[in-house]
């Protein structure tokens, strides 16, 4: 299950683990104009951990989800002409 909310400065996606036993804490993803944060609460340490990704890292991650094992570099595409 997941939820999507549009805040003033970010789109917030929350992923809720509904699987079998051994469930993980919710994951919150906040997409801002210049970065994306991924946050999850660690019950053992009683604190949240946040990972911040640049938009270039998000682009690479999206591409990597559909590629086989290997090392890649995405080609830069020219900006569209007005």
Protein backbone atom coordinates (compact mmCIF):
# COMPACT_ATOMS: atom_id res chain seq x y z
CA UNK A 1 0.00 0.00 0.00
CA UNK A 2 1.16 3.56 -0.56
CA UNK A 3 -0.12 7.09 -0.22
CA UNK A 4 0.64 10.22 -2.24
CA UNK A 5 0.26 13.76 -0.90
CA UNK A 6 1.09 17.05 -2.59
CA UNK A 7 2.49 19.55 -0.09
CA UNK A 8 3.48 23.16 -0.80
CA UNK A 9 7.11 22.35 -1.66
CA UNK A 10 7.17 18.57 -2.17
CA UNK A 11 5.31 15.48 -3.26
CA UNK A 12 5.29 12.99 -0.38
CA UNK A 13 4.96 9.25 -1.01
CA UNK A 14 4.65 6.84 1.91
CA UNK A 15 5.22 3.12 1.32
CA UNK A 16 3.50 0.85 3.86
CA UNK A 17 4.80 -2.73 4.18
CA UNK A 18 1.79 -5.06 4.19
CA UNK A 19 3.61 -8.32 3.49
CA UNK A 20 4.13 -11.39 5.62
CA UNK A 21 5.70 -11.42 9.10
CA UNK A 22 8.93 -9.44 9.43
CA UNK A 23 7.31 -6.22 8.25
CA UNK A 24 9.52 -3.17 7.79
CA UNK A 25 8.76 0.36 8.98
CA UNK A 26 7.06 2.76 6.57
CA UNK A 27 9.29 4.49 4.03
CA UNK A 28 8.62 8.17 3.29
CA UNK A 29 9.86 9.66 0.02
CA UNK A 30 9.77 13.43 -0.44
CA UNK A 31 10.34 14.75 -3.95
CA UNK A 32 11.48 18.39 -3.92
CA UNK A 33 12.47 20.59 -6.86
CA UNK A 34 16.21 19.85 -6.48
CA UNK A 35 16.44 16.56 -4.56
CA UNK A 36 14.57 13.53 -3.23
CA UNK A 37 14.75 12.33 0.37
CA UNK A 38 14.04 8.79 1.55
CA UNK A 39 13.36 8.35 5.26
CA UNK A 40 12.68 5.31 7.45
CA UNK A 41 12.37 4.89 11.22
CA UNK A 42 14.83 2.41 12.79
CA UNK A 43 13.02 0.79 15.70
CA UNK A 44 16.24 -0.65 17.18
CA UNK A 45 17.89 2.77 17.43
CA UNK A 46 14.66 4.70 17.96
CA UNK A 47 15.54 7.28 15.31
CA UNK A 48 14.80 8.05 11.69
CA UNK A 49 17.42 7.85 8.98
CA UNK A 50 17.31 10.10 5.94
CA UNK A 51 19.02 9.62 2.59
CA UNK A 52 19.17 12.57 0.17
CA UNK A 53 19.51 11.93 -3.57
CA UNK A 54 20.18 14.50 -6.28
CA UNK A 55 17.92 14.57 -9.31
CA UNK A 56 20.79 13.03 -11.35
CA UNK A 57 20.96 10.13 -8.89
CA UNK A 58 17.20 9.64 -9.13
CA UNK A 59 17.45 9.59 -12.95
CA UNK A 60 20.21 6.97 -12.73
CA UNK A 61 18.23 4.91 -10.21
CA UNK A 62 15.15 4.91 -12.46
CA UNK A 63 17.25 3.73 -15.40
CA UNK A 64 19.03 1.09 -13.29
CA UNK A 65 15.76 -0.57 -12.30
CA UNK A 66 15.30 -1.77 -15.90
CA UNK A 67 18.88 -2.76 -16.81
CA UNK A 68 20.85 -6.00 -16.37
CA UNK A 69 23.97 -6.24 -14.21
CA UNK A 70 26.81 -3.98 -15.34
CA UNK A 71 28.30 -0.49 -15.17
CA UNK A 72 26.55 2.32 -17.04
CA UNK A 73 26.69 6.06 -17.70
CA UNK A 74 23.60 7.74 -19.12
CA UNK A 75 24.23 10.02 -22.09
CA UNK A 76 23.30 13.65 -21.59
CA UNK A 77 20.47 14.73 -23.84
CA UNK A 78 20.44 18.26 -25.27
CA UNK A 79 17.84 20.65 -23.88
CA UNK A 80 14.75 20.99 -26.08
CA UNK A 81 14.72 23.99 -28.37
CA UNK A 82 12.13 26.64 -27.63
